[in-house]
Amino acid sequence: MNTFVKTAIAAVSLAVATPALAADIIVVSHGQASDPFWSVVKNGVEKAAADTGANVEYRAPETFDMVAMSQLIDAAVNQEPDGIVVSVPDADALGPSIERAVAAGIPVISMNSGGAAAKSFGALLHVGQEEFDAGRAAGEKMAELGGTSAICINHEVGNVSLDERCAGFAEGFGGTVEVLPTTNDPAEIESKVQASLDSNPDVDTVIALGASLAGEPAVAAVAALGRTGEVNVGSFDLSANFLQAVADGNATFAIDQQQYLQGYLPVVFLALHADYGLIPGGNVPSGPNLITADKAAQVVELSAEGIR
């Protein structure tokens, strides 16, 4: 088992056994709690708050807005909490605010995105997955399945994590990869994927960067064209419906980065740090884990419960 994971487990065990002394922690993410992915992160945050006794607030801009997010971080700094958890999808936009927090003596842990950048700004550690490497693993898997021409659906162009996923996928895949930019509207995504497949019958692979937003619409688009089983569809992250598609053989795999841990562990670590000065010695990799048909059915229920 990875040393950092062992540290994380030990820290969680200690936190549960010895409740924190009401540390004040603020979580600022670029994803709204109403989003299917980020709702799982928030569930992890809330469970950590309950387990440690910490006072935790979860904040996010109403849309993917880096100016608004930097303002939320600045507002958090002004409250002088015992710790701040932050995702870093755009280092240039958010760096000054994170550096302001560190300069004020507030411990910062990054999660989900931008770990390398956050460290350069003074963050203590990062909880998440290496997005480029995860993308490369997905590309290699699709190449093993015989794929030669792919589209990578990017529903948030400019989010460095999603851009890295597509770039890593292209490297691992080795064949032709077209990035298909969309909004985060599932109806638009289904329409664009269908149009792309219809105009280019050579495309035999579709990789989505979010299961509910893009993976499910991609499966529907392939089915609408009667190409289920002919076009392999994979997705980052999980949803109950996409996992069911994997279990049924209508999709190939889902990549689980265990975002519940991305919400849970940073809060636990900061609570322990506030009370006892404890902190892991390095980053904690929460993923990637490849969920294929043999595993999908086992994870569906937990995904529906907002844990996976």
Protein backbone atom coordinates (compact mmCIF):
# COMPACT_ATOMS: atom_id res chain seq x y z
CA MET A 1 0.00 0.00 0.00
CA ASN A 2 1.23 3.50 -0.85
CA THR A 3 2.94 5.18 2.16
CA PHE A 4 0.83 8.30 1.83
CA VAL A 5 -2.36 6.25 1.72
CA LYS A 6 -1.26 4.50 4.93
CA THR A 7 -0.70 7.92 6.49
CA ALA A 8 -4.14 9.03 5.36
CA ILE A 9 -5.82 5.98 6.86
CA ALA A 10 -3.97 6.41 10.14
CA ALA A 11 -4.91 10.09 10.24
CA VAL A 12 -8.56 9.34 9.59
CA SER A 13 -8.58 6.69 12.33
CA LEU A 14 -7.11 9.15 14.82
CA ALA A 15 -9.56 11.87 13.81
CA VAL A 16 -12.54 9.59 14.28
CA ALA A 17 -11.26 8.35 17.63
CA THR A 18 -10.41 11.84 18.92
CA PRO A 19 -12.82 14.58 17.70
CA ALA A 20 -11.19 17.89 16.78
CA LEU A 21 -11.63 20.96 18.95
CA ALA A 22 -14.03 22.71 16.58
CA ALA A 23 -11.47 23.82 14.01
CA ASP A 24 -12.82 26.30 11.43
CA ILE A 25 -12.18 25.11 7.88
CA ILE A 26 -13.36 26.60 4.59
CA VAL A 27 -13.54 24.58 1.36
CA VAL A 28 -13.51 26.56 -1.90
CA SER A 29 -14.01 24.55 -5.08
CA HIS A 30 -14.63 25.45 -8.70
CA GLY A 31 -17.51 22.97 -8.83
CA GLN A 32 -20.97 23.59 -7.45
CA ALA A 33 -22.40 21.21 -4.85
CA SER A 34 -25.42 20.72 -7.14
CA ASP A 35 -23.16 19.16 -9.79
CA PRO A 36 -23.30 15.32 -9.65
CA PHE A 37 -19.52 15.04 -9.32
CA TRP A 38 -19.08 17.80 -6.77
CA SER A 39 -22.05 16.68 -4.70
CA VAL A 40 -19.96 13.60 -3.85
CA VAL A 41 -17.03 15.84 -2.87
CA LYS A 42 -19.37 17.82 -0.62
CA ASN A 43 -20.67 14.60 0.91
CA GLY A 44 -17.09 13.74 1.82
CA VAL A 45 -16.60 17.22 3.30
CA GLU A 46 -19.74 16.87 5.43
CA LYS A 47 -18.77 13.39 6.65
CA ALA A 48 -15.34 14.69 7.67
CA ALA A 49 -16.96 17.58 9.52
CA ALA A 50 -19.21 15.15 11.39
CA ASP A 51 -16.34 12.77 12.19
CA THR A 52 -13.94 15.47 13.42
CA GLY A 53 -16.34 18.01 14.93
CA ALA A 54 -14.85 20.76 12.76
CA ASN A 55 -16.89 23.74 11.59
CA VAL A 56 -16.71 23.45 7.80
CA GLU A 57 -18.16 25.66 5.06
CA TYR A 58 -18.30 24.59 1.40
CA ARG A 59 -18.24 27.45 -1.13
CA ALA A 60 -18.16 27.60 -4.93
CA PRO A 61 -18.92 30.16 -7.65
CA GLU A 62 -22.28 29.79 -9.39
CA THR A 63 -20.52 28.90 -12.66
CA PHE A 64 -16.96 28.08 -13.74
CA ASP A 65 -15.73 31.60 -12.93
CA MET A 66 -12.15 32.05 -11.80
CA VAL A 67 -12.58 35.71 -10.84
CA ALA A 68 -15.47 34.79 -8.57
CA MET A 69 -13.52 31.84 -7.17
CA SER A 70 -10.48 33.97 -6.36
CA GLN A 71 -12.80 36.37 -4.53
CA LEU A 72 -14.21 33.48 -2.51
CA ILE A 73 -10.67 32.47 -1.50
CA ASP A 74 -9.87 36.08 -0.54
CA ALA A 75 -13.04 36.24 1.57
CA ALA A 76 -12.04 32.98 3.26
CA VAL A 77 -8.60 34.41 4.09
CA ASN A 78 -10.23 37.44 5.69
CA GLN A 79 -12.12 35.12 8.07
CA GLU A 80 -8.81 33.73 9.37
CA PRO A 81 -9.89 30.06 9.51
CA ASP A 82 -7.73 27.22 10.79
CA GLY A 83 -7.37 25.92 7.24
CA ILE A 84 -8.53 26.28 3.66
CA VAL A 85 -9.11 23.55 1.11
CA VAL A 86 -9.04 24.67 -2.51
CA SER A 87 -9.19 23.20 -6.00
CA VAL A 88 -6.88 24.85 -8.54
CA PRO A 89 -8.21 24.54 -12.10
CA ASP A 90 -6.44 27.76 -13.18
CA ALA A 91 -3.15 28.47 -11.45
CA ASP A 92 -2.65 31.92 -12.98
CA ALA A 93 -6.05 33.13 -11.83
CA LEU A 94 -6.03 31.59 -8.35
CA GLY A 95 -2.34 31.68 -7.45
CA PRO A 96 -2.28 35.17 -5.89
CA SER A 97 -5.22 34.35 -3.63
CA ILE A 98 -3.65 31.08 -2.48
CA GLU A 99 -0.34 32.86 -1.81
CA ARG A 100 -2.27 35.45 0.21
CA ALA A 101 -3.68 32.68 2.39
CA VAL A 102 -0.25 31.13 2.94
CA ALA A 103 1.29 34.54 3.73
CA ALA A 104 -1.43 35.04 6.35
CA GLY A 105 -0.29 31.83 8.05
CA ILE A 106 -3.35 29.81 7.04
CA PRO A 107 -2.62 26.16 6.16
CA VAL A 108 -3.84 25.30 2.65
CA ILE A 109 -4.47 21.88 1.13
CA SER A 110 -5.35 21.54 -2.54
CA MET A 111 -7.68 18.87 -3.86
CA ASN A 112 -8.92 17.56 -7.18
CA SER A 113 -6.93 19.80 -9.52
CA GLY A 114 -3.71 21.79 -9.75
CA GLY A 115 -1.59 19.97 -7.20
CA ALA A 116 1.78 20.93 -8.66
CA ALA A 117 0.82 24.57 -8.96
CA ALA A 118 -0.67 24.66 -5.48
CA LYS A 119 2.58 23.34 -4.01
CA SER A 120 4.49 26.16 -5.68
CA PHE A 121 2.11 28.60 -3.96
CA GLY A 122 2.77 27.06 -0.55
CA ALA A 123 0.04 24.44 -0.17
CA LEU A 124 0.89 21.67 2.30
CA LEU A 125 -0.16 18.79 0.06
CA HIS A 126 -2.62 17.67 -2.59
CA VAL A 127 -5.37 15.04 -2.56
CA GLY A 128 -6.32 13.93 -6.06
CA GLN A 129 -5.14 12.07 -9.13
CA GLU A 130 -2.54 12.93 -11.75
CA GLU A 131 -4.84 13.86 -14.61
CA PHE A 132 -2.38 13.47 -17.48
CA ASP A 133 -1.37 10.01 -16.26
CA ALA A 134 -5.01 9.01 -15.82
CA GLY A 135 -5.75 10.18 -19.35
CA ARG A 136 -2.81 8.23 -20.71
CA ALA A 137 -4.05 5.07 -18.96
CA ALA A 138 -7.48 5.57 -20.55
CA GLY A 139 -5.90 6.05 -23.97
CA GLU A 140 -3.77 2.94 -23.63
CA LYS A 141 -6.84 0.91 -22.65
CA MET A 142 -8.82 2.14 -25.66
CA ALA A 143 -5.87 1.39 -27.95
CA GLU A 144 -5.73 -2.15 -26.54
CA LEU A 145 -9.37 -2.52 -27.54
CA GLY A 146 -8.46 -1.70 -31.15
CA GLY A 147 -9.34 1.99 -31.26
CA THR A 148 -7.68 4.11 -33.94
CA SER A 149 -9.78 7.30 -34.15
CA ALA A 150 -11.25 9.06 -31.12
CA ILE A 151 -13.04 12.15 -29.88
CA CYS A 152 -12.36 13.58 -26.41
CA ILE A 153 -15.36 15.52 -25.12
CA ASN A 154 -14.19 18.55 -23.14
CA HIS A 155 -17.14 20.19 -21.38
CA GLU A 156 -15.01 22.83 -19.62
CA VAL A 157 -12.22 23.99 -21.93
CA GLY A 158 -9.70 26.01 -19.96
CA ASN A 159 -9.96 23.81 -16.88
CA VAL A 160 -6.36 22.57 -16.72
CA SER A 161 -7.40 19.20 -15.28
CA LEU A 162 -9.74 18.45 -18.18
CA ASP A 163 -7.24 19.70 -20.74
CA GLU A 164 -4.61 17.39 -19.22
CA ARG A 165 -7.00 14.44 -19.42
CA CYS A 166 -7.45 14.91 -23.16
CA ALA A 167 -3.71 15.46 -23.68
CA GLY A 168 -2.84 12.34 -21.70
CA PHE A 169 -5.49 10.35 -23.54
CA ALA A 170 -4.03 11.40 -26.90
CA GLU A 171 -0.55 10.27 -25.85
CA GLY A 172 -1.74 6.91 -24.59
CA PHE A 173 -4.12 6.29 -27.48
CA GLY A 174 -1.58 6.92 -30.21
CA GLY A 175 -4.17 7.27 -32.96
CA THR A 176 -6.16 10.25 -34.17
CA VAL A 177 -7.79 12.25 -31.36
CA GLU A 178 -10.08 15.24 -31.88
CA VAL A 179 -11.03 17.38 -28.89
CA LEU A 180 -14.75 18.15 -29.02
CA PRO A 181 -15.44 21.33 -27.02
CA THR A 182 -18.91 21.63 -25.48
CA THR A 183 -20.74 23.30 -22.62
CA ASN A 184 -21.85 21.26 -19.62
CA ASP A 185 -25.36 20.84 -21.04
CA PRO A 186 -25.98 17.08 -21.52
CA ALA A 187 -28.46 17.71 -24.35
CA GLU A 188 -25.90 19.75 -26.27
CA ILE A 189 -23.24 17.13 -25.65
CA GLU A 190 -25.43 14.32 -26.98
CA SER A 191 -26.22 16.37 -30.09
CA LYS A 192 -22.59 17.29 -30.75
CA VAL A 193 -21.32 13.75 -30.23
CA GLN A 194 -23.97 12.39 -32.55
CA ALA A 195 -23.10 14.99 -35.20
CA SER A 196 -19.38 14.23 -34.86
CA LEU A 197 -19.92 10.49 -35.22
CA ASP A 198 -22.34 10.99 -38.08
CA SER A 199 -19.89 13.17 -40.01
CA ASN A 200 -16.89 10.92 -39.37
CA PRO A 201 -17.73 7.20 -39.51
CA ASP A 202 -14.06 6.34 -38.86
CA VAL A 203 -14.41 7.39 -35.21
CA ASP A 204 -14.47 4.22 -33.13
CA THR A 205 -13.73 5.64 -29.67
CA VAL A 206 -15.31 8.29 -27.45
CA ILE A 207 -13.81 9.42 -24.14
CA ALA A 208 -15.86 11.68 -21.88
CA LEU A 209 -14.42 13.71 -19.02
CA GLY A 210 -17.45 13.45 -16.73
CA ALA A 211 -19.83 10.50 -16.47
CA SER A 212 -23.20 12.14 -15.88
CA LEU A 213 -22.59 15.30 -17.90
CA ALA A 214 -20.87 13.73 -20.91
CA GLY A 215 -20.54 9.97 -20.54
CA GLU A 216 -24.26 9.25 -20.40
CA PRO A 217 -25.07 11.54 -23.37
CA ALA A 218 -22.22 9.91 -25.33
CA VAL A 219 -23.71 6.45 -24.74
CA ALA A 220 -27.09 7.78 -25.88
CA ALA A 221 -25.58 9.35 -29.01
CA VAL A 222 -23.87 6.10 -29.99
CA ALA A 223 -27.11 4.17 -29.44
CA ALA A 224 -29.12 6.67 -31.49
CA LEU A 225 -26.84 5.98 -34.45
CA GLY A 226 -27.11 2.22 -33.98
CA ARG A 227 -23.37 1.92 -33.27
CA THR A 228 -23.46 0.42 -29.77
CA GLY A 229 -20.74 -2.21 -29.60
CA GLU A 230 -19.00 -0.67 -32.60
CA VAL A 231 -17.91 2.56 -30.89
CA ASN A 232 -16.20 2.17 -27.53
CA VAL A 233 -17.29 4.75 -24.94
CA GLY A 234 -15.34 5.43 -21.76
CA SER A 235 -15.58 8.17 -19.18
CA PHE A 236 -13.77 9.75 -16.31
CA ASP A 237 -15.64 9.75 -13.02
CA LEU A 238 -18.76 7.83 -12.08
CA SER A 239 -22.54 7.99 -12.17
CA ALA A 240 -25.01 5.22 -11.42
CA ASN A 241 -26.38 5.30 -14.97
CA PHE A 242 -22.99 5.25 -16.64
CA LEU A 243 -21.83 2.42 -14.41
CA GLN A 244 -24.95 0.50 -15.40
CA ALA A 245 -24.04 1.08 -19.05
CA VAL A 246 -20.60 -0.39 -18.32
CA ALA A 247 -22.15 -3.37 -16.55
CA ASP A 248 -24.53 -3.89 -19.50
CA GLY A 249 -21.72 -3.74 -22.05
CA ASN A 250 -22.89 -0.44 -23.58
CA ALA A 251 -19.81 1.41 -22.31
CA THR A 252 -16.26 0.22 -21.79
CA PHE A 253 -15.04 1.65 -18.49
CA ALA A 254 -15.25 4.49 -16.01
CA ILE A 255 -12.24 6.04 -14.28
CA ASP A 256 -12.84 6.54 -10.58
CA GLN A 257 -10.76 9.24 -8.87
CA GLN A 258 -12.68 8.71 -5.60
CA GLN A 259 -13.71 12.32 -5.17
CA TYR A 260 -15.36 11.48 -1.85
CA LEU A 261 -11.81 11.18 -0.49
CA GLN A 262 -10.93 14.54 -2.06
CA GLY A 263 -13.57 16.16 0.12
CA TYR A 264 -13.04 14.01 3.20
CA LEU A 265 -9.28 13.74 3.67
CA PRO A 266 -8.24 17.44 3.43
CA VAL A 267 -10.77 18.39 6.12
CA VAL A 268 -9.51 15.60 8.40
CA PHE A 269 -5.89 16.57 7.78
CA LEU A 270 -6.53 20.25 8.54
CA ALA A 271 -8.49 19.40 11.70
CA LEU A 272 -5.59 17.24 12.91
CA HIS A 273 -3.15 19.96 11.98
CA ALA A 274 -5.11 22.56 13.93
CA ASP A 275 -5.25 20.37 17.04
CA TYR A 276 -1.97 18.48 17.03
CA GLY A 277 0.24 19.87 14.27
CA LEU A 278 -0.04 16.61 12.34
CA ILE A 279 0.12 16.53 8.54
CA PRO A 280 1.06 13.82 5.98
CA GLY A 281 4.50 14.13 4.45
CA GLY A 282 3.30 14.26 0.85
CA ASN A 283 0.44 14.11 -1.61
CA VAL A 284 -2.30 11.50 -1.35
CA PRO A 285 -3.29 9.91 -4.71
CA SER A 286 -7.05 9.27 -4.68
CA GLY A 287 -7.04 7.67 -8.13
CA PRO A 288 -7.20 6.60 -10.85
CA ASN A 289 -9.08 3.33 -10.54
CA LEU A 290 -10.41 1.72 -13.73
CA ILE A 291 -13.97 0.42 -13.28
CA THR A 292 -14.76 -2.19 -15.95
CA ALA A 293 -17.78 -4.46 -16.42
CA ASP A 294 -16.64 -6.95 -13.79
CA LYS A 295 -16.59 -4.23 -11.11
CA ALA A 296 -19.30 -1.82 -12.27
CA ALA A 297 -22.31 -3.54 -10.74
CA GLN A 298 -20.66 -3.47 -7.30
CA VAL A 299 -20.15 0.30 -7.46
CA VAL A 300 -23.58 1.33 -8.83
CA GLU A 301 -25.28 1.40 -5.44
CA LEU A 302 -22.53 3.43 -3.78
CA SER A 303 -22.61 5.88 -6.69
CA ALA A 304 -26.37 6.30 -6.27
CA GLU A 305 -25.75 7.00 -2.57
CA GLY A 306 -23.31 9.80 -3.41
CA ILE A 307 -20.18 8.02 -2.17
CA ARG A 308 -18.55 6.74 -5.39
